[in-house]
Protein backbone atom coordinates (compact mmCIF):
# COMPACT_ATOMS: atom_id res chain seq x y z
CA MET A 1 0.08 0.06 0.04
CA ARG A 2 1.28 3.41 -0.90
CA ILE A 3 0.77 6.20 1.73
CA GLY A 4 1.19 9.86 0.95
CA ILE A 5 2.05 12.20 3.59
CA ILE A 6 1.62 15.92 2.94
CA GLY A 7 3.89 17.91 5.31
CA ALA A 8 7.47 16.95 6.15
CA GLY A 9 7.65 18.71 9.57
CA THR A 10 7.64 17.00 12.83
CA MET A 11 4.32 15.44 12.75
CA GLY A 12 4.51 14.50 8.97
CA ALA A 13 8.04 12.99 9.28
CA GLY A 14 6.97 11.11 12.32
CA ILE A 15 3.84 9.77 10.45
CA ALA A 16 5.90 8.84 7.53
CA GLN A 17 8.46 6.85 9.82
CA ALA A 18 5.55 5.14 11.69
CA PHE A 19 4.28 3.73 8.39
CA ALA A 20 7.73 3.01 6.91
CA MET A 21 8.71 0.83 9.80
CA HIS A 22 5.95 -1.76 8.56
CA ASP A 23 6.73 -4.03 5.75
CA ASP A 24 3.33 -3.39 3.94
CA TYR A 25 3.86 0.24 3.28
CA GLU A 26 5.73 2.50 0.76
CA VAL A 27 5.68 6.13 1.81
CA VAL A 28 5.80 9.35 -0.16
CA LEU A 29 6.73 12.32 2.07
CA CYS A 30 5.89 15.62 0.52
CA ASP A 31 6.00 19.22 1.24
CA ILE A 32 5.80 22.69 -0.65
CA LYS A 33 9.48 22.46 -1.73
CA ALA A 34 11.46 19.41 -2.57
CA GLU A 35 14.16 20.40 -0.17
CA TYR A 36 11.72 20.48 2.77
CA ALA A 37 10.55 16.99 1.95
CA GLN A 38 14.21 15.83 1.71
CA LYS A 39 15.05 17.51 5.02
CA GLY A 40 12.15 15.60 6.43
CA LYS A 41 13.50 12.26 5.07
CA GLN A 42 16.93 13.07 6.40
CA ARG A 43 15.52 13.68 9.84
CA ILE A 44 13.82 10.27 9.63
CA LEU A 45 17.11 8.59 8.66
CA ALA A 46 18.90 10.12 11.40
CA GLY A 47 16.22 8.78 13.91
CA LEU A 48 16.47 5.35 12.45
CA GLU A 49 20.16 5.39 12.79
CA LYS A 50 19.85 6.28 16.27
CA LEU A 51 17.49 3.42 16.86
CA ALA A 52 19.82 0.92 15.27
CA VAL A 53 22.85 2.18 17.25
CA LYS A 54 20.89 1.77 20.36
CA GLY A 55 19.86 -1.66 19.31
CA LYS A 56 16.19 -0.85 19.44
CA ILE A 57 15.76 -1.97 15.89
CA THR A 58 18.13 -3.89 13.57
CA ARG A 59 20.30 -2.27 11.05
CA GLU A 60 18.39 -4.20 8.41
CA ALA A 61 15.08 -2.76 9.68
CA ALA A 62 16.50 0.75 9.77
CA ASP A 63 17.80 0.33 6.18
CA LYS A 64 14.48 -1.08 4.92
CA ALA A 65 12.32 1.60 6.63
CA GLY A 66 14.56 4.31 5.14
CA GLN A 67 14.44 2.80 1.54
CA SER A 68 10.57 2.69 1.72
CA ILE A 69 10.43 6.57 1.96
CA THR A 70 10.57 8.72 -1.05
CA ALA A 71 10.62 12.54 -0.66
CA GLY A 72 8.53 14.63 -3.14
CA LEU A 73 5.95 17.07 -3.86
CA ASN A 74 2.28 16.93 -3.64
CA GLN A 75 1.79 15.76 -7.21
CA ASP A 76 3.91 12.66 -6.32
CA VAL A 77 1.08 11.25 -4.18
CA ALA A 78 -1.22 10.72 -7.34
CA ASP A 79 -1.09 6.88 -7.06
CA CYS A 80 -1.29 6.61 -3.37
CA ASP A 81 -4.04 4.66 -1.66
CA LEU A 82 -4.11 6.91 1.48
CA VAL A 83 -3.03 10.53 1.81
CA ILE A 84 -2.59 12.08 5.17
CA GLU A 85 -2.37 15.72 5.37
CA ALA A 86 -0.03 17.04 8.18
CA ALA A 87 0.15 20.77 7.47
CA LEU A 88 -0.27 23.74 9.66
CA GLU A 89 -3.51 24.01 11.66
CA GLN A 90 -5.19 26.57 9.16
CA MET A 91 -8.56 25.59 7.76
CA GLU A 92 -8.12 27.44 4.53
CA LEU A 93 -4.70 25.97 3.85
CA LYS A 94 -6.03 22.57 4.64
CA ARG A 95 -9.01 23.15 2.44
CA ARG A 96 -6.81 24.28 -0.45
CA LEU A 97 -4.62 21.27 -0.10
CA PHE A 98 -7.55 18.87 -0.21
CA ARG A 99 -8.91 20.60 -3.31
CA GLU A 100 -5.52 20.26 -5.09
CA LEU A 101 -5.19 16.54 -3.89
CA ASP A 102 -8.69 15.85 -5.18
CA GLY A 103 -7.58 16.89 -8.66
CA ILE A 104 -4.22 14.83 -8.32
CA CYS A 105 -5.30 11.48 -6.75
CA LYS A 106 -7.20 8.56 -8.18
CA LYS A 107 -10.73 8.25 -7.11
CA GLU A 108 -10.13 5.46 -4.80
CA THR A 109 -7.59 7.25 -2.54
CA MET A 110 -8.76 7.82 1.02
CA PHE A 111 -7.96 11.37 2.35
CA ALA A 112 -7.11 11.92 5.99
CA THR A 113 -5.91 14.81 8.07
CA ASN A 114 -3.93 14.77 11.26
CA THR A 115 -5.92 17.74 12.69
CA SER A 116 -6.64 17.64 16.41
CA SER A 117 -8.91 20.83 16.43
CA LEU A 118 -10.56 21.47 13.06
CA SER A 119 -13.87 20.18 11.74
CA ILE A 120 -13.50 17.13 9.65
CA THR A 121 -17.10 17.79 8.09
CA GLU A 122 -15.89 21.32 6.93
CA LEU A 123 -12.64 20.09 5.63
CA SER A 124 -14.35 17.55 3.47
CA GLU A 125 -16.99 20.06 2.08
CA THR A 126 -14.65 21.13 -0.80
CA VAL A 127 -13.74 17.70 -2.16
CA GLY A 128 -15.61 14.98 -3.92
CA ARG A 129 -14.76 12.34 -1.34
CA PRO A 130 -14.76 11.81 2.46
CA VAL A 131 -12.05 13.19 4.68
CA ILE A 132 -11.36 11.36 8.03
CA GLY A 133 -9.29 12.45 10.83
CA MET A 134 -6.24 10.36 11.77
CA HIS A 135 -4.83 12.29 14.69
CA PHE A 136 -1.39 10.79 15.56
CA PHE A 137 -0.01 11.60 18.95
CA ASN A 138 3.57 12.96 19.16
CA PRO A 139 6.00 11.35 18.60
CA ALA A 140 4.18 9.39 15.94
CA PRO A 141 6.72 6.75 15.59
CA VAL A 142 6.62 6.02 19.34
CA MET A 143 3.02 6.52 20.30
CA THR A 144 0.98 3.62 19.05
CA LEU A 145 -2.43 5.46 19.46
CA VAL A 146 -4.12 7.04 16.59
CA GLU A 147 -7.58 8.79 17.23
CA VAL A 148 -9.85 8.28 14.14
CA VAL A 149 -12.47 10.94 13.63
CA VAL A 150 -15.32 10.88 11.12
CA GLY A 151 -17.28 13.71 9.64
CA LEU A 152 -21.01 14.19 9.19
CA ASN A 153 -20.70 12.87 5.59
CA THR A 154 -18.35 9.96 6.24
CA PRO A 155 -19.99 6.91 4.88
CA VAL A 156 -21.00 4.35 7.57
CA GLU A 157 -18.66 1.61 6.04
CA LEU A 158 -15.67 3.94 6.41
CA ALA A 159 -16.76 4.89 9.96
CA SER A 160 -16.95 1.37 11.21
CA ASP A 161 -13.58 -0.06 9.68
């Protein structure tokens, strides 16, 4: 499964690392500039290196996780199955991102936001698909808890999975 992460800051990079540490996921870490996405990936690689040096994960696991992450721009999530937005907590910014992603991604792509405070219903009003909340707790690679939030227009089958 391909996972796109929009926003390579602390939370976005942490979410990308959390997914990359599992064999079933390829991760595309994106930001508004390629160098920001690359910097986020470098932070992840440094964190994986520390875990390997401390013996918390094997060198092989660290290398494999690092290799499963590609840094890029928003258009690079076009073929992802799930896209998680982890941008600044600004409603208009997030709405603009989801409108952009709606035109880039395949119809089957699930959209999620890492917001902890903005309305999921309001975020999904500008796109032709549901948006769910996937609120990861910081630090995302360490905390195993993810709060899933649905909006008023989230289909029942998505809300119950």
